[in-house]
C-alpha atoms as a PDB file:
ATOM      1  CA  THR A   1      -0.454  -2.447  -2.310  1.00  0.00           C
ATOM      2  CA  GLY A   2       0.577  -1.364  -5.785  1.00  0.00           C
ATOM      3  CA  THR A   3       3.463   0.241  -7.604  1.00  0.00           C
ATOM      4  CA  PRO A   4       4.616   3.713  -6.671  1.00  0.00           C
ATOM      5  CA  GLY A   5       2.126   6.059  -8.339  1.00  0.00           C
ATOM      6  CA  ALA A   6      -0.717   3.513  -8.168  1.00  0.00           C
ATOM      7  CA  GLY A   7      -2.676   5.791  -5.829  1.00  0.00           C
ATOM      8  CA  LYS A   8      -2.224   3.890  -2.573  1.00  0.00           C
ATOM      9  CA  THR A   9      -2.002   6.956  -0.347  1.00  0.00           C
ATOM     10  CA  SER A  10      -4.890   8.817  -1.990  1.00  0.00           C
ATOM     11  CA  VAL A  11      -7.108   5.730  -2.031  1.00  0.00           C
ATOM     12  CA  ALA A  12      -6.274   4.761   1.560  1.00  0.00           C
ATOM     13  CA  THR A  13      -7.055   8.248   2.851  1.00  0.00           C
ATOM     14  CA  ALA A  14     -10.318   8.482   0.891  1.00  0.00           C
ATOM     15  CA  LEU A  15     -11.332   4.953   1.902  1.00  0.00           C
ATOM     16  CA  MET A  16     -10.868   5.595   5.604  1.00  0.00           C
ATOM     17  CA  LYS A  17     -13.176   8.613   5.415  1.00  0.00           C
ATOM     18  CA  HIS A  18     -16.032   6.121   4.875  1.00  0.00           C
ATOM     19  CA  PHE A  19     -15.693   4.768   8.413  1.00  0.00           C
ATOM     20  CA  PRO A  20     -16.641   6.416  11.721  1.00  0.00           C
ATOM     21  CA  PHE A  21     -13.082   5.765  12.892  1.00  0.00           C
ATOM     22  CA  GLY A  22     -10.448   5.207  10.233  1.00  0.00           C
ATOM     23  CA  LEU A  23      -6.650   5.188  10.271  1.00  0.00           C
ATOM     24  CA  HIS A  24      -4.258   5.187   7.313  1.00  0.00           C
ATOM     25  CA  ILE A  25      -0.791   3.812   8.103  1.00  0.00           C
ATOM     26  CA  PRO A  26       1.673   4.466   5.270  1.00  0.00           C
ATOM     27  CA  VAL A  27       4.751   2.271   5.701  1.00  0.00           C
ATOM     28  CA  ASP A  28       6.792   4.802   3.693  1.00  0.00           C
ATOM     29  CA  GLY A  29       5.657   7.506   6.080  1.00  0.00           C
ATOM     30  CA  LEU A  30       6.997   5.524   9.017  1.00  0.00           C
ATOM     31  CA  ARG A  31      10.265   5.031   7.167  1.00  0.00           C
ATOM     32  CA  GLU A  32      10.507   8.776   6.579  1.00  0.00           C
ATOM     33  CA  TRP A  33      10.543   9.313  10.345  1.00  0.00           C
ATOM     34  CA  VAL A  34      14.144   8.101  10.268  1.00  0.00           C
ATOM     35  CA  VAL A  35      16.169  11.262  10.827  1.00  0.00           C
ATOM     36  CA  SER A  36      19.654   9.875  10.281  1.00  0.00           C
ATOM     37  CA  GLY A  37      20.676   6.840   8.252  1.00  0.00           C
ATOM     38  CA  LEU A  38      17.562   6.312   6.131  1.00  0.00           C
ATOM     39  CA  ALA A  39      18.267   3.622   3.531  1.00  0.00           C
ATOM     40  CA  ASP A  40      16.206   4.545   0.469  1.00  0.00           C
ATOM     41  CA  PRO A  41      15.400   1.870  -2.112  1.00  0.00           C
ATOM     42  CA  VAL A  42      16.534   4.209  -4.914  1.00  0.00           C
ATOM     43  CA  PRO A  43      19.053   4.152  -6.476  1.00  0.00           C
ATOM     44  CA  VAL A  44      20.217   0.859  -4.880  1.00  0.00           C
ATOM     45  CA  TRP A  45      18.368  -1.583  -2.633  1.00  0.00           C
ATOM     46  CA  THR A  46      20.674  -2.759   0.144  1.00  0.00           C
ATOM     47  CA  ALA A  47      20.525  -5.106   3.119  1.00  0.00           C
ATOM     48  CA  GLU A  48      19.982  -2.004   5.243  1.00  0.00           C
ATOM     49  CA  THR A  49      17.008  -1.020   3.067  1.00  0.00           C
ATOM     50  CA  THR A  50      15.490  -4.464   3.687  1.00  0.00           C
ATOM     51  CA  ARG A  51      16.085  -4.138   7.425  1.00  0.00           C
ATOM     52  CA  GLN A  52      14.483  -0.701   7.588  1.00  0.00           C
ATOM     53  CA  PHE A  53      11.425  -1.831   5.631  1.00  0.00           C
ATOM     54  CA  ARG A  54      11.028  -4.741   8.032  1.00  0.00           C
ATOM     55  CA  ILE A  55      11.262  -2.392  11.032  1.00  0.00           C
ATOM     56  CA  ALA A  56       8.691  -0.016   9.493  1.00  0.00           C
ATOM     57  CA  ARG A  57       6.348  -2.944   8.797  1.00  0.00           C
ATOM     58  CA  GLN A  58       6.712  -4.158  12.383  1.00  0.00           C
ATOM     59  CA  ALA A  59       5.882  -0.646  13.605  1.00  0.00           C
ATOM     60  CA  ALA A  60       2.881  -0.487  11.231  1.00  0.00           C
ATOM     61  CA  LEU A  61       1.677  -3.841  12.550  1.00  0.00           C
ATOM     62  CA  ALA A  62       1.960  -2.683  16.169  1.00  0.00           C
ATOM     63  CA  MET A  63       0.080   0.543  15.382  1.00  0.00           C
ATOM     64  CA  ALA A  64      -2.590  -1.375  13.474  1.00  0.00           C
ATOM     65  CA  ARG A  65      -3.190  -3.676  16.435  1.00  0.00           C
ATOM     66  CA  ILE A  66      -3.569  -0.760  18.829  1.00  0.00           C
ATOM     67  CA  TYR A  67      -6.096   1.019  16.618  1.00  0.00           C
ATOM     68  CA  LEU A  68      -7.976  -2.168  15.641  1.00  0.00           C
ATOM     69  CA  GLU A  69      -8.409  -3.013  19.314  1.00  0.00           C
ATOM     70  CA  ALA A  70      -9.845   0.500  19.804  1.00  0.00           C
ATOM     71  CA  GLY A  71     -12.453  -0.085  17.075  1.00  0.00           C
ATOM     72  CA  PHE A  72     -10.807   1.673  14.135  1.00  0.00           C
ATOM     73  CA  ALA A  73     -10.817   0.527  10.545  1.00  0.00           C
ATOM     74  CA  VAL A  74      -7.172   0.480   9.449  1.00  0.00           C
ATOM     75  CA  VAL A  75      -5.463   0.607   6.062  1.00  0.00           C
ATOM     76  CA  LEU A  76      -1.833  -0.431   5.784  1.00  0.00           C
ATOM     77  CA  ASP A  77      -0.308   1.205   2.698  1.00  0.00           C
ATOM     78  CA  ASP A  78       2.827  -0.540   1.423  1.00  0.00           C
ATOM     79  CA  VAL A  79       4.524  -1.829  -1.704  1.00  0.00           C
ATOM     80  CA  ILE A  80       4.516  -5.487  -0.707  1.00  0.00           C
ATOM     81  CA  PHE A  81       4.354  -8.904  -2.306  1.00  0.00           C
ATOM     82  CA  PRO A  82       1.862 -11.616  -1.266  1.00  0.00           C
ATOM     83  CA  ALA A  83       4.273 -13.800   0.731  1.00  0.00           C
ATOM     84  CA  GLU A  84       5.677 -10.811   2.640  1.00  0.00           C
ATOM     85  CA  ALA A  85       2.185  -9.497   3.353  1.00  0.00           C
ATOM     86  CA  GLN A  86       1.128 -12.921   4.604  1.00  0.00           C
ATOM     87  CA  GLU A  87       4.081 -13.091   7.003  1.00  0.00           C
ATOM     88  CA  MET A  88       4.165  -9.464   8.137  1.00  0.00           C
ATOM     89  CA  PHE A  89       0.456  -8.607   8.348  1.00  0.00           C
ATOM     90  CA  VAL A  90      -2.069 -11.359   7.554  1.00  0.00           C
ATOM     91  CA  VAL A  91      -0.888 -14.039   9.982  1.00  0.00           C
ATOM     92  CA  PRO A  92      -0.254 -11.633  12.890  1.00  0.00           C
ATOM     93  CA  LEU A  93      -3.664 -10.007  12.334  1.00  0.00           C
ATOM     94  CA  GLN A  94      -5.572 -13.236  11.722  1.00  0.00           C
ATOM     95  CA  ASP A  95      -8.086 -12.420  14.463  1.00  0.00           C
ATOM     96  CA  TYR A  96      -9.325  -9.462  12.392  1.00  0.00           C
ATOM     97  CA  THR A  97     -11.132  -9.255   9.071  1.00  0.00           C
ATOM     98  CA  ILE A  98      -8.508  -8.478   6.456  1.00  0.00           C
ATOM     99  CA  HIS A  99      -9.048  -7.385   2.870  1.00  0.00           C
ATOM    100  CA  LYS A 100      -5.957  -7.443   0.682  1.00  0.00           C
ATOM    101  CA  VAL A 101      -6.088  -5.104  -2.328  1.00  0.00           C
ATOM    102  CA  LEU A 102      -3.714  -4.653  -5.254  1.00  0.00           C
ATOM    103  CA  LEU A 103      -4.188  -1.365  -7.090  1.00  0.00           C
ATOM    104  CA  ARG A 104      -3.209  -2.111 -10.675  1.00  0.00           C
ATOM    105  CA  PRO A 105      -3.261   0.894 -13.000  1.00  0.00           C
ATOM    106  CA  SER A 106      -1.338   0.607 -16.244  1.00  0.00           C
ATOM    107  CA  VAL A 107       2.336   1.474 -15.953  1.00  0.00           C
ATOM    108  CA  ALA A 108       1.680   4.592 -18.078  1.00  0.00           C
ATOM    109  CA  THR A 109      -1.020   5.718 -15.635  1.00  0.00           C
ATOM    110  CA  ALA A 110       1.243   5.098 -12.628  1.00  0.00           C
ATOM    111  CA  GLN A 111       3.999   7.106 -14.336  1.00  0.00           C
ATOM    112  CA  LEU A 112       1.613   9.988 -15.056  1.00  0.00           C
ATOM    113  CA  ARG A 113       0.287  10.010 -11.503  1.00  0.00           C
ATOM    114  CA  ASN A 114       3.838   9.927 -10.162  1.00  0.00           C
ATOM    115  CA  ALA A 115       4.883  12.842 -12.370  1.00  0.00           C
ATOM    116  CA  THR A 116       1.993  15.017 -11.197  1.00  0.00           C
ATOM    117  CA  ARG A 117       1.812  14.225  -7.494  1.00  0.00           C
ATOM    118  CA  THR A 118       2.551  16.857  -4.917  1.00  0.00           C
ATOM    119  CA  ASN A 119       2.510  14.797  -1.715  1.00  0.00           C
ATOM    120  CA  LYS A 120       6.212  13.879  -1.753  1.00  0.00           C
ATOM    121  CA  THR A 121       9.135  15.856  -0.395  1.00  0.00           C
ATOM    122  CA  TYR A 122      11.547  14.583  -3.049  1.00  0.00           C
ATOM    123  CA  ASP A 123      11.817  14.686  -6.830  1.00  0.00           C
ATOM    124  CA  THR A 124       9.441  11.951  -7.965  1.00  0.00           C
ATOM    125  CA  SER A 125      11.247  11.608 -11.298  1.00  0.00           C
ATOM    126  CA  SER A 126      13.701   9.441  -9.327  1.00  0.00           C
ATOM    127  CA  LEU A 127      10.968   6.767  -9.277  1.00  0.00           C
ATOM    128  CA  VAL A 128      10.463   6.446 -13.049  1.00  0.00           C
ATOM    129  CA  GLU A 129      12.670   3.376 -13.507  1.00  0.00           C
ATOM    130  CA  LEU A 130      11.497   1.888 -10.216  1.00  0.00           C
ATOM    131  CA  ILE A 131       7.850   2.114 -11.286  1.00  0.00           C
ATOM    132  CA  ASP A 132       8.593   0.231 -14.505  1.00  0.00           C
ATOM    133  CA  MET A 133      10.538  -2.439 -12.616  1.00  0.00           C
ATOM    134  CA  VAL A 134       8.041  -2.879  -9.772  1.00  0.00           C
ATOM    135  CA  HIS A 135       5.101  -2.993 -12.194  1.00  0.00           C
ATOM    136  CA  LYS A 136       6.753  -5.997 -13.888  1.00  0.00           C
ATOM    137  CA  MET A 137       7.470  -7.574 -10.498  1.00  0.00           C
ATOM    138  CA  MET A 138       3.812  -7.281  -9.425  1.00  0.00           C
ATOM    139  CA  PRO A 139       1.780  -9.206 -11.999  1.00  0.00           C
ATOM    140  CA  PRO A 140      -1.788  -9.753 -10.819  1.00  0.00           C
ATOM    141  CA  SER A 141      -1.810 -13.566 -10.937  1.00  0.00           C
ATOM    142  CA  PRO A 142       0.200 -14.248  -7.728  1.00  0.00           C
ATOM    143  CA  TYR A 143      -1.988 -11.765  -5.880  1.00  0.00           C
ATOM    144  CA  ALA A 144      -5.166 -13.367  -7.211  1.00  0.00           C
ATOM    145  CA  ARG A 145      -3.925 -16.829  -6.186  1.00  0.00           C
ATOM    146  CA  ALA A 146      -3.258 -15.461  -2.685  1.00  0.00           C
ATOM    147  CA  GLY A 147      -6.826 -14.133  -2.402  1.00  0.00           C
ATOM    148  CA  TRP A 148      -6.188 -10.469  -3.108  1.00  0.00           C
ATOM    149  CA  THR A 149      -8.771  -8.200  -4.715  1.00  0.00           C
ATOM    150  CA  ILE A 150      -7.293  -6.655  -7.849  1.00  0.00           C
ATOM    151  CA  ILE A 151      -8.565  -3.227  -8.822  1.00  0.00           C
ATOM    152  CA  TYR A 152      -7.662  -2.280 -12.385  1.00  0.00           C
ATOM    153  CA  SER A 153      -7.723   1.444 -11.731  1.00  0.00           C
ATOM    154  CA  THR A 154      -6.348   2.894 -14.971  1.00  0.00           C
ATOM    155  CA  HIS A 155      -9.685   4.424 -15.952  1.00  0.00           C
ATOM    156  CA  LEU A 156     -11.167   4.840 -12.471  1.00  0.00           C
ATOM    157  CA  THR A 157     -11.407   8.068 -10.538  1.00  0.00           C
ATOM    158  CA  LEU A 158     -10.397   8.132  -6.900  1.00  0.00           C
ATOM    159  CA  ASP A 159     -14.030   7.810  -5.809  1.00  0.00           C
ATOM    160  CA  GLU A 160     -14.673   4.973  -8.260  1.00  0.00           C
ATOM    161  CA  THR A 161     -11.629   3.110  -6.943  1.00  0.00           C
ATOM    162  CA  VAL A 162     -12.824   3.509  -3.354  1.00  0.00           C
ATOM    163  CA  ASP A 163     -16.325   2.379  -4.361  1.00  0.00           C
ATOM    164  CA  ALA A 164     -14.868  -0.706  -6.045  1.00  0.00           C
ATOM    165  CA  ILE A 165     -12.986  -1.605  -2.863  1.00  0.00           C
ATOM    166  CA  LEU A 166     -16.020  -0.986  -0.665  1.00  0.00           C
ATOM    167  CA  SER A 167     -18.271  -3.022  -2.964  1.00  0.00           C
ATOM    168  CA  HIS A 168     -15.920  -5.962  -2.845  1.00  0.00           C
ATOM    169  CA  THR A 169     -15.377  -5.861   0.903  1.00  0.00           C
ATOM    170  CA  LEU A 170     -19.120  -5.604   1.588  1.00  0.00           C
ATOM    171  CA  ILE A 171     -19.715  -8.691  -0.558  1.00  0.00           C
ATOM    172  CA  LEU A 172     -17.025 -10.561   1.380  1.00  0.00           C
ATOM    173  CA  GLN A 173     -18.633  -9.663   4.702  1.00  0.00           C
ATOM    174  CA  ASP A 174     -22.120 -10.948   3.761  1.00  0.00           C
END
């Protein structure tokens, strides 16, 4: 997890290339499959937005199970808080090894990455205020208390960020 612009999609894709079988499941990507009635979180978060995120997370969980059972490494890419992640993903996947990672670039870095990304079909300037708000809502301490690895990625390249994740997960598996 991490704020919009933290590099979740890029890191998840690059990370999965290190495994013989790797799958990246972006929760936002599943949400974007909604053809009619998509409830975006910007400009206003509604009860329908909450419902659609929950549905997308349930779909991501089901897909993850299918691929995990087939021997794939799986990354779930989502803007999520520790308690939600525990309920939606950690407990249901407790039979698998799970590594929870918070990508934590500075807010200025997330804003810069957001402004220059080309992987979105919408005007990313609509996320500027959201990035500031979510960055404040995602301080590292609750994640650390919940056992998440925190990667301070402001000055890391994509490859360095992936290496940091791999180094930590290899240590955990020993």
